[in-house]
Amino acid sequence: MYVQVDLGTTPPTVSLEEPDDCKRFHLTVVNGREAAMVFGALVDAAAGRLEDGQAWVTVDAVRRMAAGRVGPGWDADFEAMLGFAATKGWLDPNRASIQAHVEWTAGDPVAGHWA
């Protein structure tokens, strides 16, 4: 799964793409490269923030954006993903936000995987 910020819409949109895929996580920015706009879009959507070139996406936002779009085993898969992220230092101390690499693209998003 990944979070997509589309700067080509007014206002910019934040969406969760491929929510069933709990084996990868990143943030993709399409149709622009303005960090301030990405920050604003994340804050406006109550989805997270940018900090030092990385995105911090709230766990609650991921759950909210996935609701009604995922199968019955998703909660367990997502918890496993969060557990893995914690071992890598990709969760904040309160387990409220997940650190995500930011991929800046000109148009369509590209895949990124956790290593």
PDB file of N, CA and C in Angstrom:
ATOM      1  N   MET A   1       0.848  -1.173   0.000  1.00  0.00           N
ATOM      2  CA  MET A   1       0.000   0.000   0.000  1.00  0.00           C
ATOM      3  C   MET A   1       0.885   1.224   0.000  1.00  0.00           C
ATOM      4  N   TYR A   2       0.302   2.302  -0.474  1.00  0.00           N
ATOM      5  CA  TYR A   2       1.006   3.569  -0.409  1.00  0.00           C
ATOM      6  C   TYR A   2      -0.016   4.701  -0.349  1.00  0.00           C
ATOM      7  N   VAL A   3       0.440   5.808   0.205  1.00  0.00           N
ATOM      8  CA  VAL A   3      -0.366   7.009   0.261  1.00  0.00           C
ATOM      9  C   VAL A   3       0.032   7.856  -0.943  1.00  0.00           C
ATOM     10  N   GLN A   4      -0.964   8.358  -1.640  1.00  0.00           N
ATOM     11  CA  GLN A   4      -0.699   9.208  -2.795  1.00  0.00           C
ATOM     12  C   GLN A   4      -1.225  10.606  -2.522  1.00  0.00           C
ATOM     13  N   VAL A   5      -0.377  11.590  -2.781  1.00  0.00           N
ATOM     14  CA  VAL A   5      -0.780  12.992  -2.722  1.00  0.00           C
ATOM     15  C   VAL A   5      -0.756  13.503  -4.158  1.00  0.00           C
ATOM     16  N   ASP A   6      -1.900  13.940  -4.630  1.00  0.00           N
ATOM     17  CA  ASP A   6      -2.023  14.452  -5.993  1.00  0.00           C
ATOM     18  C   ASP A   6      -2.098  15.972  -5.932  1.00  0.00           C
ATOM     19  N   LEU A   7      -1.011  16.614  -6.379  1.00  0.00           N
ATOM     20  CA  LEU A   7      -0.952  18.071  -6.360  1.00  0.00           C
ATOM     21  C   LEU A   7      -1.617  18.688  -7.586  1.00  0.00           C
ATOM     22  N   GLY A   8      -2.112  17.857  -8.505  1.00  0.00           N
ATOM     23  CA  GLY A   8      -2.748  18.356  -9.713  1.00  0.00           C
ATOM     24  C   GLY A   8      -4.229  18.639  -9.543  1.00  0.00           C
ATOM     25  N   THR A   9      -4.764  18.387  -8.361  1.00  0.00           N
ATOM     26  CA  THR A   9      -6.172  18.678  -8.092  1.00  0.00           C
ATOM     27  C   THR A   9      -6.274  19.896  -7.189  1.00  0.00           C
ATOM     28  N   THR A  10      -7.423  20.524  -7.183  1.00  0.00           N
ATOM     29  CA  THR A  10      -7.641  21.680  -6.309  1.00  0.00           C
ATOM     30  C   THR A  10      -8.844  21.400  -5.425  1.00  0.00           C
ATOM     31  N   PRO A  11      -8.639  21.251  -4.135  1.00  0.00           N
ATOM     32  CA  PRO A  11      -7.354  21.188  -3.434  1.00  0.00           C
ATOM     33  C   PRO A  11      -6.658  19.854  -3.707  1.00  0.00           C
ATOM     34  N   PRO A  12      -5.368  19.763  -3.361  1.00  0.00           N
ATOM     35  CA  PRO A  12      -4.670  18.492  -3.523  1.00  0.00           C
ATOM     36  C   PRO A  12      -5.374  17.378  -2.744  1.00  0.00           C
ATOM     37  N   THR A  13      -5.325  16.172  -3.286  1.00  0.00           N
ATOM     38  CA  THR A  13      -5.989  15.042  -2.636  1.00  0.00           C
ATOM     39  C   THR A  13      -4.982  14.075  -2.042  1.00  0.00           C
ATOM     40  N   VAL A  14      -5.425  13.411  -0.999  1.00  0.00           N
ATOM     41  CA  VAL A  14      -4.636  12.381  -0.329  1.00  0.00           C
ATOM     42  C   VAL A  14      -5.461  11.103  -0.374  1.00  0.00           C
ATOM     43  N   SER A  15      -4.864  10.026  -0.872  1.00  0.00           N
ATOM     44  CA  SER A  15      -5.592   8.763  -0.965  1.00  0.00           C
ATOM     45  C   SER A  15      -4.677   7.600  -0.602  1.00  0.00           C
ATOM     46  N   LEU A  16      -5.295   6.492  -0.240  1.00  0.00           N
ATOM     47  CA  LEU A  16      -4.563   5.264   0.036  1.00  0.00           C
ATOM     48  C   LEU A  16      -4.752   4.353  -1.167  1.00  0.00           C
ATOM     49  N   GLU A  17      -3.653   3.961  -1.777  1.00  0.00           N
ATOM     50  CA  GLU A  17      -3.680   3.117  -2.965  1.00  0.00           C
ATOM     51  C   GLU A  17      -3.218   1.706  -2.598  1.00  0.00           C
ATOM     52  N   GLU A  18      -3.801   0.723  -3.266  1.00  0.00           N
ATOM     53  CA  GLU A  18      -3.468  -0.683  -3.050  1.00  0.00           C
ATOM     54  C   GLU A  18      -3.489  -1.043  -1.556  1.00  0.00           C
ATOM     55  N   PRO A  19      -4.595  -0.746  -0.866  1.00  0.00           N
ATOM     56  CA  PRO A  19      -4.643  -0.916   0.588  1.00  0.00           C
ATOM     57  C   PRO A  19      -4.461  -2.353   1.062  1.00  0.00           C
ATOM     58  N   ASP A  20      -4.728  -3.341   0.235  1.00  0.00           N
ATOM     59  CA  ASP A  20      -4.566  -4.738   0.653  1.00  0.00           C
ATOM     60  C   ASP A  20      -3.108  -5.177   0.745  1.00  0.00           C
ATOM     61  N   ASP A  21      -2.187  -4.420   0.154  1.00  0.00           N
ATOM     62  CA  ASP A  21      -0.772  -4.792   0.117  1.00  0.00           C
ATOM     63  C   ASP A  21      -0.059  -4.244   1.353  1.00  0.00           C
ATOM     64  N   CYS A  22       0.033  -5.066   2.383  1.00  0.00           N
ATOM     65  CA  CYS A  22       0.683  -4.642   3.631  1.00  0.00           C
ATOM     66  C   CYS A  22       2.162  -5.004   3.663  1.00  0.00           C
ATOM     67  N   LYS A  23       2.757  -5.272   2.521  1.00  0.00           N
ATOM     68  CA  LYS A  23       4.180  -5.626   2.446  1.00  0.00           C
ATOM     69  C   LYS A  23       5.057  -4.446   2.056  1.00  0.00           C
ATOM     70  N   ARG A  24       4.440  -3.324   1.747  1.00  0.00           N
ATOM     71  CA  ARG A  24       5.207  -2.134   1.367  1.00  0.00           C
ATOM     72  C   ARG A  24       4.442  -0.904   1.824  1.00  0.00           C
ATOM     73  N   PHE A  25       5.164   0.190   1.995  1.00  0.00           N
ATOM     74  CA  PHE A  25       4.526   1.427   2.411  1.00  0.00           C
ATOM     75  C   PHE A  25       5.424   2.589   2.041  1.00  0.00           C
ATOM     76  N   HIS A  26       4.870   3.572   1.384  1.00  0.00           N
ATOM     77  CA  HIS A  26       5.576   4.810   1.060  1.00  0.00           C
ATOM     78  C   HIS A  26       4.551   5.873   0.732  1.00  0.00           C
ATOM     79  N   LEU A  27       5.025   7.060   0.451  1.00  0.00           N
ATOM     80  CA  LEU A  27       4.160   8.145   0.022  1.00  0.00           C
ATOM     81  C   LEU A  27       4.626   8.583  -1.352  1.00  0.00           C
ATOM     82  N   THR A  28       3.716   8.641  -2.290  1.00  0.00           N
ATOM     83  CA  THR A  28       4.017   9.082  -3.648  1.00  0.00           C
ATOM     84  C   THR A  28       3.341  10.419  -3.889  1.00  0.00           C
ATOM     85  N   VAL A  29       4.094  11.349  -4.467  1.00  0.00           N
ATOM     86  CA  VAL A  29       3.557  12.647  -4.839  1.00  0.00           C
ATOM     87  C   VAL A  29       3.481  12.683  -6.358  1.00  0.00           C
ATOM     88  N   VAL A  30       2.287  12.977  -6.873  1.00  0.00           N
ATOM     89  CA  VAL A  30       2.112  13.083  -8.320  1.00  0.00           C
ATOM     90  C   VAL A  30       1.699  14.507  -8.688  1.00  0.00           C
ATOM     91  N   ASN A  31       2.094  14.893  -9.889  1.00  0.00           N
ATOM     92  CA  ASN A  31       1.697  16.179 -10.485  1.00  0.00           C
ATOM     93  C   ASN A  31       2.229  17.397  -9.743  1.00  0.00           C
ATOM     94  N   GLY A  32       3.451  17.307  -9.273  1.00  0.00           N
ATOM     95  CA  GLY A  32       4.075  18.461  -8.644  1.00  0.00           C
ATOM     96  C   GLY A  32       5.221  18.055  -7.733  1.00  0.00           C
ATOM     97  N   ARG A  33       5.982  19.062  -7.290  1.00  0.00           N
ATOM     98  CA  ARG A  33       7.124  18.814  -6.423  1.00  0.00           C
ATOM     99  C   ARG A  33       7.213  19.828  -5.288  1.00  0.00           C
ATOM    100  N   GLU A  34       6.099  20.416  -4.918  1.00  0.00           N
ATOM    101  CA  GLU A  34       6.101  21.464  -3.891  1.00  0.00           C
ATOM    102  C   GLU A  34       5.882  20.853  -2.510  1.00  0.00           C
ATOM    103  N   ALA A  35       6.952  20.783  -1.729  1.00  0.00           N
ATOM    104  CA  ALA A  35       6.872  20.168  -0.401  1.00  0.00           C
ATOM    105  C   ALA A  35       5.841  20.860   0.484  1.00  0.00           C
ATOM    106  N   ALA A  36       5.747  22.191   0.388  1.00  0.00           N
ATOM    107  CA  ALA A  36       4.784  22.915   1.226  1.00  0.00           C
ATOM    108  C   ALA A  36       3.356  22.499   0.891  1.00  0.00           C
ATOM    109  N   MET A  37       3.079  22.229  -0.379  1.00  0.00           N
ATOM    110  CA  MET A  37       1.739  21.789  -0.766  1.00  0.00           C
ATOM    111  C   MET A  37       1.453  20.379  -0.252  1.00  0.00           C
ATOM    112  N   VAL A  38       2.477  19.523  -0.276  1.00  0.00           N
ATOM    113  CA  VAL A  38       2.309  18.165   0.250  1.00  0.00           C
ATOM    114  C   VAL A  38       2.041  18.228   1.748  1.00  0.00           C
ATOM    115  N   PHE A  39       2.840  19.022   2.450  1.00  0.00           N
ATOM    116  CA  PHE A  39       2.630  19.193   3.891  1.00  0.00           C
ATOM    117  C   PHE A  39       1.201  19.651   4.158  1.00  0.00           C
ATOM    118  N   GLY A  40       0.756  20.676   3.444  1.00  0.00           N
ATOM    119  CA  GLY A  40      -0.588  21.199   3.643  1.00  0.00           C
ATOM    120  C   GLY A  40      -1.663  20.173   3.338  1.00  0.00           C
ATOM    121  N   ALA A  41      -1.476  19.400   2.273  1.00  0.00           N
ATOM    122  CA  ALA A  41      -2.460  18.371   1.909  1.00  0.00           C
ATOM    123  C   ALA A  41      -2.562  17.315   2.998  1.00  0.00           C
ATOM    124  N   LEU A  42      -1.419  16.884   3.528  1.00  0.00           N
ATOM    125  CA  LEU A  42      -1.434  15.877   4.588  1.00  0.00           C
ATOM    126  C   LEU A  42      -2.111  16.403   5.845  1.00  0.00           C
ATOM    127  N   VAL A  43      -1.794  17.632   6.209  1.00  0.00           N
ATOM    128  CA  VAL A  43      -2.401  18.224   7.401  1.00  0.00           C
ATOM    129  C   VAL A  43      -3.901  18.421   7.191  1.00  0.00           C
ATOM    130  N   ASP A  44      -4.280  18.965   6.042  1.00  0.00           N
ATOM    131  CA  ASP A  44      -5.703  19.205   5.767  1.00  0.00           C
ATOM    132  C   ASP A  44      -6.510  17.916   5.777  1.00  0.00           C
ATOM    133  N   ALA A  45      -5.899  16.813   5.341  1.00  0.00           N
ATOM    134  CA  ALA A  45      -6.586  15.522   5.299  1.00  0.00           C
ATOM    135  C   ALA A  45      -6.475  14.773   6.625  1.00  0.00           C
ATOM    136  N   ALA A  46      -5.860  15.395   7.636  1.00  0.00           N
ATOM    137  CA  ALA A  46      -5.606  14.740   8.922  1.00  0.00           C
ATOM    138  C   ALA A  46      -4.910  13.403   8.702  1.00  0.00           C
ATOM    139  N   ALA A  47      -3.927  13.424   7.786  1.00  0.00           N
ATOM    140  CA  ALA A  47      -3.232  12.193   7.408  1.00  0.00           C
ATOM    141  C   ALA A  47      -1.777  12.161   7.839  1.00  0.00           C
ATOM    142  N   GLY A  48      -1.202  13.285   8.231  1.00  0.00           N
ATOM    143  CA  GLY A  48       0.192  13.263   8.646  1.00  0.00           C
ATOM    144  C   GLY A  48       0.897  14.568   8.371  1.00  0.00           C
ATOM    145  N   ARG A  49       2.228  14.442   8.120  1.00  0.00           N
ATOM    146  CA  ARG A  49       3.048  15.630   7.913  1.00  0.00           C
ATOM    147  C   ARG A  49       4.337  15.243   7.189  1.00  0.00           C
ATOM    148  N   LEU A  50       5.046  16.227   6.675  1.00  0.00           N
ATOM    149  CA  LEU A  50       6.401  16.039   6.159  1.00  0.00           C
ATOM    150  C   LEU A  50       7.367  16.564   7.201  1.00  0.00           C
ATOM    151  N   GLU A  51       8.469  15.855   7.359  1.00  0.00           N
ATOM    152  CA  GLU A  51       9.476  16.270   8.336  1.00  0.00           C
ATOM    153  C   GLU A  51      10.837  15.781   7.858  1.00  0.00           C
ATOM    154  N   ASP A  52      11.751  16.719   7.618  1.00  0.00           N
ATOM    155  CA  ASP A  52      13.110  16.384   7.188  1.00  0.00           C
ATOM    156  C   ASP A  52      13.127  15.457   5.971  1.00  0.00           C
ATOM    157  N   GLY A  53      12.266  15.737   4.998  1.00  0.00           N
ATOM    158  CA  GLY A  53      12.252  14.967   3.765  1.00  0.00           C
ATOM    159  C   GLY A  53      11.534  13.635   3.829  1.00  0.00           C
ATOM    160  N   GLN A  54      10.981  13.297   4.968  1.00  0.00           N
ATOM    161  CA  GLN A  54      10.223  12.061   5.130  1.00  0.00           C
ATOM    162  C   GLN A  54       8.777  12.400   5.478  1.00  0.00           C
ATOM    163  N   ALA A  55       7.879  11.500   5.123  1.00  0.00           N
ATOM    164  CA  ALA A  55       6.489  11.670   5.513  1.00  0.00           C
ATOM    165  C   ALA A  55       6.242  10.874   6.784  1.00  0.00           C
ATOM    166  N   TRP A  56       5.393  11.393   7.628  1.00  0.00           N
ATOM    167  CA  TRP A  56       4.883  10.684   8.796  1.00  0.00           C
ATOM    168  C   TRP A  56       3.376  10.602   8.615  1.00  0.00           C
ATOM    169  N   VAL A  57       2.893   9.409   8.324  1.00  0.00           N
ATOM    170  CA  VAL A  57       1.474   9.189   8.044  1.00  0.00           C
ATOM    171  C   VAL A  57       0.841   8.582   9.288  1.00  0.00           C
ATOM    172  N   THR A  58      -0.280   9.126   9.712  1.00  0.00           N
ATOM    173  CA  THR A  58      -0.894   8.623  10.936  1.00  0.00           C
ATOM    174  C   THR A  58      -1.524   7.250  10.693  1.00  0.00           C
ATOM    175  N   VAL A  59      -1.387   6.407  11.693  1.00  0.00           N
ATOM    176  CA  VAL A  59      -1.982   5.070  11.654  1.00  0.00           C
ATOM    177  C   VAL A  59      -3.498   5.198  11.511  1.00  0.00           C
ATOM    178  N   ASP A  60      -4.087   6.152  12.221  1.00  0.00           N
ATOM    179  CA  ASP A  60      -5.527   6.365  12.133  1.00  0.00           C
ATOM    180  C   ASP A  60      -5.963   6.720  10.717  1.00  0.00           C
ATOM    181  N   ALA A  61      -5.165   7.535  10.018  1.00  0.00           N
ATOM    182  CA  ALA A  61      -5.510   7.913   8.642  1.00  0.00           C
ATOM    183  C   ALA A  61      -5.472   6.704   7.721  1.00  0.00           C
ATOM    184  N   VAL A  62      -4.470   5.854   7.895  1.00  0.00           N
ATOM    185  CA  VAL A  62      -4.394   4.646   7.068  1.00  0.00           C
ATOM    186  C   VAL A  62      -5.626   3.788   7.310  1.00  0.00           C
ATOM    187  N   ARG A  63      -5.959   3.583   8.568  1.00  0.00           N
ATOM    188  CA  ARG A  63      -7.160   2.792   8.889  1.00  0.00           C
ATOM    189  C   ARG A  63      -8.421   3.428   8.289  1.00  0.00           C
ATOM    190  N   ARG A  64      -8.538   4.729   8.417  1.00  0.00           N
ATOM    191  CA  ARG A  64      -9.708   5.437   7.905  1.00  0.00           C
ATOM    192  C   ARG A  64      -9.804   5.315   6.381  1.00  0.00           C
ATOM    193  N   MET A  65      -8.673   5.489   5.682  1.00  0.00           N
ATOM    194  CA  MET A  65      -8.691   5.421   4.226  1.00  0.00           C
ATOM    195  C   MET A  65      -8.873   3.990   3.714  1.00  0.00           C
ATOM    196  N   ALA A  66      -8.530   2.998   4.532  1.00  0.00           N
ATOM    197  CA  ALA A  66      -8.687   1.600   4.135  1.00  0.00           C
ATOM    198  C   ALA A  66     -10.090   1.066   4.418  1.00  0.00           C
ATOM    199  N   ALA A  67     -10.801   1.710   5.312  1.00  0.00           N
ATOM    200  CA  ALA A  67     -12.116   1.222   5.756  1.00  0.00           C
ATOM    201  C   ALA A  67     -13.048   0.967   4.571  1.00  0.00           C
ATOM    202  N   GLY A  68     -13.638  -0.227   4.569  1.00  0.00           N
ATOM    203  CA  GLY A  68     -14.576  -0.599   3.528  1.00  0.00           C
ATOM    204  C   GLY A  68     -13.941  -1.021   2.217  1.00  0.00           C
ATOM    205  N   ARG A  69     -12.611  -1.010   2.167  1.00  0.00           N
ATOM    206  CA  ARG A  69     -11.906  -1.329   0.921  1.00  0.00           C
ATOM    207  C   ARG A  69     -11.008  -2.553   1.041  1.00  0.00           C
ATOM    208  N   VAL A  70     -10.964  -3.159   2.232  1.00  0.00           N
ATOM    209  CA  VAL A  70     -10.034  -4.262   2.476  1.00  0.00           C
ATOM    210  C   VAL A  70     -10.774  -5.477   3.020  1.00  0.00           C
ATOM    211  N   GLY A  71     -10.114  -6.618   2.917  1.00  0.00           N
ATOM    212  CA  GLY A  71     -10.723  -7.858   3.370  1.00  0.00           C
ATOM    213  C   GLY A  71     -10.655  -8.042   4.873  1.00  0.00           C
ATOM    214  N   PRO A  72     -11.260  -9.138   5.361  1.00  0.00           N
ATOM    215  CA  PRO A  72     -11.356  -9.374   6.803  1.00  0.00           C
ATOM    216  C   PRO A  72     -10.006  -9.612   7.490  1.00  0.00           C
ATOM    217  N   GLY A  73      -8.983 -10.046   6.774  1.00  0.00           N
ATOM    218  CA  GLY A  73      -7.677 -10.280   7.394  1.00  0.00           C
ATOM    219  C   GLY A  73      -6.779  -9.069   7.414  1.00  0.00           C
ATOM    220  N   TRP A  74      -7.282  -7.947   6.918  1.00  0.00           N
ATOM    221  CA  TRP A  74      -6.436  -6.766   6.781  1.00  0.00           C
ATOM    222  C   TRP A  74      -5.922  -6.248   8.113  1.00  0.00           C
ATOM    223  N   ASP A  75      -6.753  -6.217   9.143  1.00  0.00           N
ATOM    224  CA  ASP A  75      -6.315  -5.687  10.444  1.00  0.00           C
ATOM    225  C   ASP A  75      -5.090  -6.428  10.953  1.00  0.00           C
ATOM    226  N   ALA A  76      -5.094  -7.758  10.852  1.00  0.00           N
ATOM    227  CA  ALA A  76      -3.946  -8.550  11.300  1.00  0.00           C
ATOM    228  C   ALA A  76      -2.726  -8.257  10.430  1.00  0.00           C
ATOM    229  N   ASP A  77      -2.933  -8.160   9.121  1.00  0.00           N
ATOM    230  CA  ASP A  77      -1.817  -7.857   8.215  1.00  0.00           C
ATOM    231  C   ASP A  77      -1.244  -6.471   8.501  1.00  0.00           C
ATOM    232  N   PHE A  78      -2.117  -5.516   8.752  1.00  0.00           N
ATOM    233  CA  PHE A  78      -1.663  -4.159   9.044  1.00  0.00           C
ATOM    234  C   PHE A  78      -0.902  -4.117  10.365  1.00  0.00           C
ATOM    235  N   GLU A  79      -1.399  -4.822  11.366  1.00  0.00           N
ATOM    236  CA  GLU A  79      -0.683  -4.888  12.644  1.00  0.00           C
ATOM    237  C   GLU A  79       0.699  -5.513  12.470  1.00  0.00           C
ATOM    238  N   ALA A  80       0.788  -6.543  11.633  1.00  0.00           N
ATOM    239  CA  ALA A  80       2.094  -7.154  11.350  1.00  0.00           C
ATOM    240  C   ALA A  80       3.017  -6.145  10.663  1.00  0.00           C
ATOM    241  N   MET A  81       2.467  -5.359   9.752  1.00  0.00           N
ATOM    242  CA  MET A  81       3.257  -4.330   9.087  1.00  0.00           C
ATOM    243  C   MET A  81       3.760  -3.307  10.103  1.00  0.00           C
ATOM    244  N   LEU A  82       2.883  -2.900  11.015  1.00  0.00           N
ATOM    245  CA  LEU A  82       3.295  -1.948  12.044  1.00  0.00           C
ATOM    246  C   LEU A  82       4.377  -2.543  12.943  1.00  0.00           C
ATOM    247  N   GLY A  83       4.243  -3.828  13.272  1.00  0.00           N
ATOM    248  CA  GLY A  83       5.269  -4.493  14.071  1.00  0.00           C
ATOM    249  C   GLY A  83       6.616  -4.494  13.374  1.00  0.00           C
ATOM    250  N   PHE A  84       6.612  -4.784  12.074  1.00  0.00           N
ATOM    251  CA  PHE A  84       7.852  -4.753  11.298  1.00  0.00           C
ATOM    252  C   PHE A  84       8.420  -3.337  11.270  1.00  0.00           C
ATOM    253  N   ALA A  85       7.551  -2.352  11.029  1.00  0.00           N
ATOM    254  CA  ALA A  85       8.000  -0.958  11.001  1.00  0.00           C
ATOM    255  C   ALA A  85       8.641  -0.559  12.332  1.00  0.00           C
ATOM    256  N   ALA A  86       8.084  -1.034  13.424  1.00  0.00           N
ATOM    257  CA  ALA A  86       8.636  -0.715  14.743  1.00  0.00           C
ATOM    258  C   ALA A  86      10.047  -1.257  14.894  1.00  0.00           C
ATOM    259  N   THR A  87      10.317  -2.447  14.358  1.00  0.00           N
ATOM    260  CA  THR A  87      11.661  -3.027  14.470  1.00  0.00           C
ATOM    261  C   THR A  87      12.694  -2.234  13.681  1.00  0.00           C
ATOM    262  N   LYS A  88      12.238  -1.482  12.686  1.00  0.00           N
ATOM    263  CA  LYS A  88      13.136  -0.687  11.843  1.00  0.00           C
ATOM    264  C   LYS A  88      13.214   0.775  12.290  1.00  0.00           C
ATOM    265  N   GLY A  89      12.448   1.140  13.327  1.00  0.00           N
ATOM    266  CA  GLY A  89      12.435   2.525  13.771  1.00  0.00           C
ATOM    267  C   GLY A  89      11.553   3.414  12.921  1.00  0.00           C
ATOM    268  N   TRP A  90      10.604   2.827  12.201  1.00  0.00           N
ATOM    269  CA  TRP A  90       9.737   3.576  11.301  1.00  0.00           C
ATOM    270  C   TRP A  90       8.396   3.946  11.923  1.00  0.00           C
ATOM    271  N   LEU A  91       8.249   3.748  13.221  1.00  0.00           N
ATOM    272  CA  LEU A  91       7.058   4.202  13.943  1.00  0.00           C
ATOM    273  C   LEU A  91       7.498   5.234  14.966  1.00  0.00           C
ATOM    274  N   ASP A  92       6.654   6.233  15.193  1.00  0.00           N
ATOM    275  CA  ASP A  92       6.991   7.187  16.251  1.00  0.00           C
ATOM    276  C   ASP A  92       6.808   6.494  17.604  1.00  0.00           C
ATOM    277  N   PRO A  93       7.337   7.070  18.680  1.00  0.00           N
ATOM    278  CA  PRO A  93       7.289   6.403  19.992  1.00  0.00           C
ATOM    279  C   PRO A  93       5.879   6.032  20.467  1.00  0.00           C
ATOM    280  N   ASN A  94       4.871   6.775  20.046  1.00  0.00           N
ATOM    281  CA  ASN A  94       3.494   6.485  20.465  1.00  0.00           C
ATOM    282  C   ASN A  94       2.791   5.506  19.539  1.00  0.00           C
ATOM    283  N   ARG A  95       3.476   5.032  18.515  1.00  0.00           N
ATOM    284  CA  ARG A  95       2.889   4.149  17.488  1.00  0.00           C
ATOM    285  C   ARG A  95       1.702   4.804  16.795  1.00  0.00           C
ATOM    286  N   ALA A  96       1.740   6.135  16.713  1.00  0.00           N
ATOM    287  CA  ALA A  96       0.644   6.874  16.101  1.00  0.00           C
ATOM    288  C   ALA A  96       0.907   7.221  14.642  1.00  0.00           C
ATOM    289  N   SER A  97       2.189   7.243  14.225  1.00  0.00           N
ATOM    290  CA  SER A  97       2.543   7.616  12.855  1.00  0.00           C
ATOM    291  C   SER A  97       3.621   6.693  12.313  1.00  0.00           C
ATOM    292  N   ILE A  98       3.518   6.419  11.014  1.00  0.00           N
ATOM    293  CA  ILE A  98       4.458   5.559  10.301  1.00  0.00           C
ATOM    294  C   ILE A  98       5.324   6.447   9.417  1.00  0.00           C
ATOM    295  N   GLN A  99       6.639   6.261   9.500  1.00  0.00           N
ATOM    296  CA  GLN A  99       7.542   6.988   8.625  1.00  0.00           C
ATOM    297  C   GLN A  99       7.462   6.385   7.230  1.00  0.00           C
ATOM    298  N   ALA A 100       7.410   7.251   6.228  1.00  0.00           N
ATOM    299  CA  ALA A 100       7.299   6.788   4.851  1.00  0.00           C
ATOM    300  C   ALA A 100       8.262   7.544   3.957  1.00  0.00           C
ATOM    301  N   HIS A 101       8.993   6.797   3.147  1.00  0.00           N
ATOM    302  CA  HIS A 101       9.835   7.388   2.116  1.00  0.00           C
ATOM    303  C   HIS A 101       8.940   8.130   1.132  1.00  0.00           C
ATOM    304  N   VAL A 102       9.386   9.282   0.649  1.00  0.00           N
ATOM    305  CA  VAL A 102       8.604  10.066  -0.303  1.00  0.00           C
ATOM    306  C   VAL A 102       9.174   9.866  -1.697  1.00  0.00           C
ATOM    307  N   GLU A 103       8.303   9.484  -2.623  1.00  0.00           N
ATOM    308  CA  GLU A 103       8.673   9.353  -4.026  1.00  0.00           C
ATOM    309  C   GLU A 103       7.994  10.474  -4.793  1.00  0.00           C
ATOM    310  N   TRP A 104       8.797  11.309  -5.435  1.00  0.00           N
ATOM    311  CA  TRP A 104       8.277  12.437  -6.205  1.00  0.00           C
ATOM    312  C   TRP A 104       8.222  12.016  -7.663  1.00  0.00           C
ATOM    313  N   THR A 105       7.039  12.030  -8.250  1.00  0.00           N
ATOM    314  CA  THR A 105       6.889  11.642  -9.649  1.00  0.00           C
ATOM    315  C   THR A 105       6.210  12.764 -10.416  1.00  0.00           C
ATOM    316  N   ALA A 106       6.331  12.715 -11.721  1.00  0.00           N
ATOM    317  CA  ALA A 106       5.706  13.736 -12.553  1.00  0.00           C
ATOM    318  C   ALA A 106       4.256  13.402 -12.871  1.00  0.00           C
ATOM    319  N   GLY A 107       3.924  12.136 -12.852  1.00  0.00           N
ATOM    320  CA  GLY A 107       2.583  11.741 -13.236  1.00  0.00           C
ATOM    321  C   GLY A 107       2.121  10.563 -12.434  1.00  0.00           C
ATOM    322  N   ASP A 108       2.059   9.410 -13.053  1.00  0.00           N
ATOM    323  CA  ASP A 108       1.566   8.218 -12.386  1.00  0.00           C
ATOM    324  C   ASP A 108       2.532   7.739 -11.318  1.00  0.00           C
ATOM    325  N   PRO A 109       2.005   7.189 -10.212  1.00  0.00           N
ATOM    326  CA  PRO A 109       2.875   6.702  -9.142  1.00  0.00           C
ATOM    327  C   PRO A 109       3.650   5.469  -9.583  1.00  0.00           C
ATOM    328  N   VAL A 110       4.772   5.254  -8.917  1.00  0.00           N
ATOM    329  CA  VAL A 110       5.592   4.070  -9.159  1.00  0.00           C
ATOM    330  C   VAL A 110       5.674   3.263  -7.885  1.00  0.00           C
ATOM    331  N   ALA A 111       5.954   1.994  -8.007  1.00  0.00           N
ATOM    332  CA  ALA A 111       5.991   1.110  -6.836  1.00  0.00           C
ATOM    333  C   ALA A 111       7.263   1.350  -6.041  1.00  0.00           C
ATOM    334  N   GLY A 112       7.140   1.220  -4.736  1.00  0.00           N
ATOM    335  CA  GLY A 112       8.283   1.272  -3.838  1.00  0.00           C
ATOM    336  C   GLY A 112       8.081   0.208  -2.778  1.00  0.00           C
ATOM    337  N   HIS A 113       9.127  -0.466  -2.388  1.00  0.00           N
ATOM    338  CA  HIS A 113       8.982  -1.570  -1.441  1.00  0.00           C
ATOM    339  C   HIS A 113       9.864  -1.344  -0.226  1.00  0.00           C
ATOM    340  N   TRP A 114       9.389  -1.835   0.890  1.00  0.00           N
ATOM    341  CA  TRP A 114      10.243  -1.849   2.071  1.00  0.00           C
ATOM    342  C   TRP A 114      11.303  -2.899   1.852  1.00  0.00           C
ATOM    343  N   ALA A 115      12.507  -2.570   2.225  1.00  0.00           N
ATOM    344  CA  ALA A 115      13.589  -3.553   2.088  1.00  0.00           C
ATOM    345  C   ALA A 115      13.845  -4.217   3.413  1.00  0.00           C
TER     346      ALA A 115
END
